[in-house]
Amino acid sequence: MSQVKELGLALASLLSWLLFSDTPSDPEGYVRDPSASGRKSMKSNLYCYKTLVVAVFQRTIRSSYDFIIIGAGSAGAVVANRLSEVADWNILLLEAGGDESIFGQIPANAYEMQLTNQDWQYKTVPQDHACRSSYNRQYTTIVENHNNFGCNIARGKMLGGCSSINAMLYVRGNKRDYDNWRDDGNVDWGYDDVLPYFLKSEDNQNPYLAGTKYHNKGGYLTVGEPGFHTPLAAAFIQGGKEMGYENRNYNGEFQTGFMLPQGTVRHGSRCSTSKAFLRP
């Protein structure tokens, strides 16, 4: 069985390379690994470096920068992009990991990247009612390596960070969380305050949602539904209706209900913040 799985992964990787490999004229592809030198992004004032090998490139590093961003993850890539809108500012973006892999561009491969060198491989402490922790605690007594067990918490160690390793679901979170942060004294963190920034980044491919108050087109981050739906998806929606829930947009005005989820996917492949904001 393991040989069949390995063959399947090899074929998937080959197919991904054929479909999604990058060319100089193809901004839709994944970002190539700089590996041998510091690399400027498509914005001429934004420099990206791997921190683990940055000492090798000191001859190419500027003597000073207006901003230095630690981590080119889901947030770091966006911050770097927005700062680079001021052409006179030079921004240095540092990342401990490498670039996105071709393999990770296939949405179905998301979970296969966990516990690889592109994952920080964090784990929770063992818990009584999660991740079979009771069994794990008994086993750690034998192997005397308690830290190897617990729930896996996948965190991307590459350009794009978790947006390059996650399941690509586009979920903004509950309005009340933002409003509670505002009410706790965090000025401008209410949902109505942050919504314009969600809209600025979004390029929603659903024409029925794109023109509403809660969605937008023209941003860097591509958002849309999968191109294929199984019959189970329709049954899922119908089951929700039979339970009394509406089929509604969970990123819209009312967030309780059932819908076919939207994801950060572009032309059938992953759209990470690295792809969206470092190569706009």
Protein backbone atom coordinates (compact mmCIF):
# COMPACT_ATOMS: atom_id res chain seq x y z
CA MET A 1 0.00 0.00 0.00
CA SER A 2 2.84 2.39 0.84
CA GLN A 3 4.38 1.82 -2.59
CA VAL A 4 1.09 2.74 -4.26
CA LYS A 5 0.92 5.93 -2.18
CA GLU A 6 4.51 6.86 -3.05
CA LEU A 7 3.81 6.28 -6.75
CA GLY A 8 0.70 8.43 -6.52
CA LEU A 9 2.60 11.28 -4.87
CA ALA A 10 5.33 11.06 -7.51
CA LEU A 11 2.78 11.24 -10.33
CA ALA A 12 1.02 14.16 -8.60
CA SER A 13 4.30 16.04 -8.29
CA LEU A 14 5.09 15.47 -11.98
CA LEU A 15 1.61 16.65 -12.99
CA SER A 16 1.98 19.71 -10.76
CA TRP A 17 5.32 20.57 -12.36
CA LEU A 18 3.82 20.30 -15.84
CA LEU A 19 0.78 22.42 -14.97
CA PHE A 20 2.11 25.03 -12.55
CA SER A 21 5.82 25.46 -13.27
CA ASP A 22 6.82 29.10 -13.49
CA THR A 23 8.17 31.02 -16.47
CA PRO A 24 9.35 34.66 -16.70
CA SER A 25 6.12 35.60 -18.49
CA ASP A 26 3.81 33.64 -16.19
CA PRO A 27 3.03 35.49 -12.95
CA GLU A 28 0.54 32.80 -11.98
CA GLY A 29 3.20 30.21 -11.20
CA TYR A 30 4.86 29.55 -7.87
CA VAL A 31 7.77 31.73 -6.77
CA ARG A 32 11.13 30.17 -7.53
CA ASP A 33 13.59 29.43 -4.74
CA PRO A 34 16.23 32.18 -4.65
CA SER A 35 18.76 29.58 -3.33
CA ALA A 36 21.84 31.21 -4.85
CA SER A 37 21.25 34.90 -4.29
CA GLY A 38 18.99 37.50 -2.76
CA ARG A 39 15.96 38.00 -4.97
CA LYS A 40 14.01 41.13 -5.70
CA SER A 41 10.30 40.67 -6.07
CA MET A 42 8.39 42.17 -8.98
CA LYS A 43 8.35 45.39 -6.97
CA SER A 44 11.79 46.91 -7.41
CA ASN A 45 12.11 48.23 -3.84
CA LEU A 46 11.27 44.95 -2.06
CA TYR A 47 14.12 42.53 -1.30
CA CYS A 48 13.51 38.95 -0.11
CA TYR A 49 16.15 36.84 1.60
CA LYS A 50 16.34 33.50 3.38
CA THR A 51 17.65 34.30 6.83
CA LEU A 52 19.39 30.95 7.19
CA VAL A 53 21.74 31.72 4.32
CA VAL A 54 21.69 35.49 4.34
CA ALA A 55 25.34 35.78 5.41
CA VAL A 56 26.39 34.36 2.04
CA PHE A 57 24.81 37.30 0.27
CA GLN A 58 26.19 40.18 2.29
CA ARG A 59 27.84 41.63 -0.77
CA THR A 60 24.36 42.23 -2.22
CA ILE A 61 22.67 43.54 0.92
CA ARG A 62 22.14 47.28 1.20
CA SER A 63 23.77 49.13 4.06
CA SER A 64 20.38 50.29 5.34
CA TYR A 65 16.66 49.74 4.83
CA ASP A 66 13.62 51.76 5.70
CA PHE A 67 11.85 48.65 7.01
CA ILE A 68 12.99 45.12 7.93
CA ILE A 69 10.23 42.52 8.18
CA ILE A 70 10.95 39.29 10.05
CA GLY A 71 8.99 36.45 8.48
CA ALA A 72 7.51 36.27 4.97
CA GLY A 73 4.42 34.41 6.11
CA SER A 74 0.71 35.09 5.69
CA ALA A 75 1.04 38.54 7.28
CA GLY A 76 4.68 39.38 6.46
CA ALA A 77 4.17 39.08 2.71
CA VAL A 78 1.17 41.43 2.89
CA VAL A 79 2.99 43.98 5.06
CA ALA A 80 5.95 43.96 2.68
CA ASN A 81 3.69 44.48 -0.32
CA ARG A 82 1.81 47.39 1.24
CA LEU A 83 4.98 49.14 2.41
CA SER A 84 6.49 48.77 -1.05
CA GLU A 85 3.65 50.89 -2.46
CA VAL A 86 5.82 53.83 -1.44
CA ALA A 87 8.47 53.70 -4.18
CA ASP A 88 11.09 55.59 -2.17
CA TRP A 89 11.11 53.03 0.66
CA ASN A 90 13.43 50.02 0.60
CA ILE A 91 12.08 46.98 2.43
CA LEU A 92 14.02 43.89 3.49
CA LEU A 93 11.90 40.76 3.97
CA LEU A 94 13.57 37.90 5.89
CA GLU A 95 12.33 34.31 5.87
CA ALA A 96 13.76 31.29 7.71
CA GLY A 97 12.36 28.78 5.24
CA GLY A 98 12.68 28.39 1.49
CA ASP A 99 10.21 28.97 -1.28
CA GLU A 100 6.90 27.28 -1.94
CA SER A 101 7.14 23.82 -3.44
CA ILE A 102 5.55 22.76 -6.70
CA PHE A 103 3.97 19.86 -4.80
CA GLY A 104 2.14 22.26 -2.50
CA GLN A 105 0.35 24.01 -5.36
CA ILE A 106 -2.08 21.08 -5.64
CA PRO A 107 -4.85 21.68 -3.07
CA ALA A 108 -5.25 17.97 -2.29
CA ASN A 109 -1.60 17.83 -1.19
CA ALA A 110 -2.04 20.25 1.72
CA TYR A 111 -1.89 17.63 4.46
CA GLU A 112 1.02 15.81 2.85
CA MET A 113 3.27 18.80 3.59
CA GLN A 114 2.81 18.49 7.33
CA LEU A 115 5.84 17.23 9.29
CA THR A 116 8.17 18.02 6.37
CA ASN A 117 10.99 20.57 6.28
CA GLN A 118 8.40 23.15 5.15
CA ASP A 119 6.53 22.80 8.44
CA TRP A 120 7.78 24.10 11.80
CA GLN A 121 6.36 20.83 13.21
CA TYR A 122 4.89 22.33 16.36
CA LYS A 123 2.87 20.11 18.69
CA THR A 124 0.55 20.73 21.60
CA VAL A 125 1.17 19.29 25.02
CA PRO A 126 -0.61 15.91 25.40
CA GLN A 127 -4.29 16.30 26.25
CA ASP A 128 -6.83 13.91 27.70
CA HIS A 129 -9.44 14.25 24.97
CA ALA A 130 -7.57 15.07 21.76
CA CYS A 131 -5.19 13.38 19.33
CA ARG A 132 -5.21 10.05 21.15
CA SER A 133 -3.10 11.67 23.86
CA SER A 134 -3.91 9.02 26.46
CA TYR A 135 -2.23 6.43 24.25
CA ASN A 136 0.58 8.84 23.50
CA ARG A 137 1.34 9.44 27.19
CA GLN A 138 1.57 5.70 27.82
CA TYR A 139 3.86 5.30 24.84
CA THR A 140 6.13 8.19 25.82
CA THR A 141 6.85 6.43 29.09
CA ILE A 142 8.39 3.66 27.03
CA VAL A 143 10.36 5.76 24.55
CA GLU A 144 11.12 8.56 27.06
CA ASN A 145 10.54 11.24 24.45
CA HIS A 146 7.47 13.11 25.65
CA ASN A 147 7.94 16.02 23.24
CA ASN A 148 7.30 13.91 20.16
CA PHE A 149 3.59 13.54 20.89
CA GLY A 150 0.49 15.70 20.99
CA CYS A 151 -1.61 17.29 18.26
CA ASN A 152 0.24 18.47 15.19
CA ILE A 153 -0.04 22.22 14.59
CA ALA A 154 1.06 22.82 11.02
CA ARG A 155 2.88 26.16 10.61
CA GLY A 156 4.43 26.93 7.25
CA LYS A 157 8.20 27.38 7.13
CA MET A 158 8.49 28.97 3.69
CA LEU A 159 7.48 32.06 1.75
CA GLY A 160 3.77 32.54 2.35
CA GLY A 161 3.99 30.81 5.73
CA CYS A 162 0.79 29.07 6.74
CA SER A 163 -0.96 30.24 3.57
CA SER A 164 1.44 27.92 1.71
CA ILE A 165 0.59 24.87 3.81
CA ASN A 166 -2.99 25.34 5.03
CA ALA A 167 -6.25 23.95 3.62
CA MET A 168 -6.92 27.24 1.75
CA LEU A 169 -10.33 27.92 3.31
CA TYR A 170 -11.21 31.62 3.09
CA VAL A 171 -12.70 32.33 6.53
CA ARG A 172 -12.39 35.81 8.02
CA GLY A 173 -13.65 34.95 11.47
CA ASN A 174 -16.67 36.00 13.48
CA LYS A 175 -17.71 39.64 13.60
CA ARG A 176 -18.19 39.55 17.36
CA ASP A 177 -14.55 38.66 17.93
CA TYR A 178 -13.43 41.81 16.14
CA ASP A 179 -16.03 43.93 17.93
CA ASN A 180 -14.98 42.49 21.30
CA TRP A 181 -11.36 43.41 20.54
CA ARG A 182 -12.50 46.95 19.77
CA ASP A 183 -14.59 47.13 22.93
CA ASP A 184 -11.59 45.92 24.96
CA GLY A 185 -9.72 49.06 23.90
CA ASN A 186 -8.16 48.06 20.60
CA VAL A 187 -9.05 51.10 18.53
CA ASP A 188 -10.05 50.46 14.88
CA TRP A 189 -10.24 46.68 15.35
CA GLY A 190 -14.04 46.40 15.07
CA TYR A 191 -15.37 44.38 12.14
CA ASP A 192 -16.56 47.46 10.25
CA ASP A 193 -13.07 48.94 10.71
CA VAL A 194 -11.17 45.96 9.28
CA LEU A 195 -13.69 45.03 6.53
CA PRO A 196 -12.27 47.59 4.03
CA TYR A 197 -8.88 45.87 4.30
CA PHE A 198 -10.39 42.47 3.56
CA LEU A 199 -12.09 44.02 0.54
CA LYS A 200 -8.90 45.73 -0.62
CA SER A 201 -7.03 42.40 -0.74
CA GLU A 202 -9.81 40.28 -2.25
CA ASP A 203 -10.37 39.26 -5.86
CA ASN A 204 -13.53 37.19 -5.54
CA GLN A 205 -14.36 35.05 -8.56
CA ASN A 206 -18.02 34.53 -7.66
CA PRO A 207 -20.01 37.20 -9.56
CA TYR A 208 -22.94 36.90 -7.14
CA LEU A 209 -20.73 37.78 -4.18
CA ALA A 210 -18.17 40.12 -5.74
CA GLY A 211 -20.54 43.07 -6.00
CA THR A 212 -21.93 42.88 -2.48
CA LYS A 213 -20.97 44.88 0.61
CA TYR A 214 -18.86 42.04 1.95
CA HIS A 215 -16.81 41.07 -1.10
CA ASN A 216 -14.76 42.69 -3.82
CA LYS A 217 -12.83 42.17 -7.04
CA GLY A 218 -9.49 43.55 -8.14
CA GLY A 219 -7.37 42.76 -5.08
CA TYR A 220 -4.24 40.62 -5.05
CA LEU A 221 -5.70 37.55 -3.29
CA THR A 222 -7.79 35.28 -5.51
CA VAL A 223 -10.82 33.77 -3.76
CA GLY A 224 -13.39 31.37 -5.16
CA GLU A 225 -15.21 28.06 -5.00
CA PRO A 226 -13.63 24.81 -6.20
CA GLY A 227 -14.26 24.01 -9.84
CA PHE A 228 -15.70 20.59 -8.99
CA HIS A 229 -18.35 19.66 -6.45
CA THR A 230 -19.17 16.10 -5.44
CA PRO A 231 -22.80 15.03 -4.93
CA LEU A 232 -21.99 14.95 -1.22
CA ALA A 233 -21.58 18.74 -1.28
CA ALA A 234 -25.18 19.22 -2.42
CA ALA A 235 -26.32 16.70 0.19
CA PHE A 236 -24.41 18.66 2.85
CA ILE A 237 -26.25 21.89 1.94
CA GLN A 238 -29.60 20.11 1.81
CA GLY A 239 -28.93 18.52 5.19
CA GLY A 240 -28.35 21.95 6.67
CA LYS A 241 -31.64 23.22 5.26
CA GLU A 242 -33.49 20.25 6.71
CA MET A 243 -32.03 21.16 10.11
CA GLY A 244 -33.37 24.70 9.75
CA TYR A 245 -30.20 26.48 8.61
CA GLU A 246 -29.99 28.70 5.56
CA ASN A 247 -27.60 28.36 2.65
CA ARG A 248 -25.73 31.63 3.11
CA ASN A 249 -22.34 33.29 2.80
CA TYR A 250 -20.47 32.77 6.09
CA ASN A 251 -18.28 35.81 5.32
CA GLY A 252 -21.37 37.98 4.86
CA GLU A 253 -23.89 39.77 7.06
CA PHE A 254 -25.11 36.61 8.82
CA GLN A 255 -22.53 33.95 9.55
CA THR A 256 -24.58 31.03 10.82
CA GLY A 257 -25.54 28.63 8.06
CA PHE A 258 -24.28 26.21 5.44
CA MET A 259 -22.51 26.94 2.14
CA LEU A 260 -19.99 25.52 -0.27
CA PRO A 261 -16.77 27.03 1.10
CA GLN A 262 -14.61 29.49 -0.77
CA GLY A 263 -10.86 29.11 -0.80
CA THR A 264 -7.69 30.98 -1.72
CA VAL A 265 -7.32 29.15 -5.03
CA ARG A 266 -6.28 30.50 -8.42
CA HIS A 267 -6.85 28.49 -11.61
CA GLY A 268 -7.13 25.30 -9.58
CA SER A 269 -3.89 25.79 -7.63
CA ARG A 270 -3.03 27.34 -4.27
CA CYS A 271 -2.99 31.13 -4.04
CA SER A 272 -0.76 31.86 -1.04
CA THR A 273 0.14 35.35 0.15
CA SER A 274 3.55 34.71 -1.38
CA LYS A 275 2.02 34.22 -4.81
CA ALA A 276 -0.57 36.97 -4.34
CA PHE A 277 1.44 39.74 -2.67
CA LEU A 278 5.12 39.12 -3.48
CA ARG A 279 4.36 38.60 -7.18
CA PRO A 280 1.39 40.90 -7.83
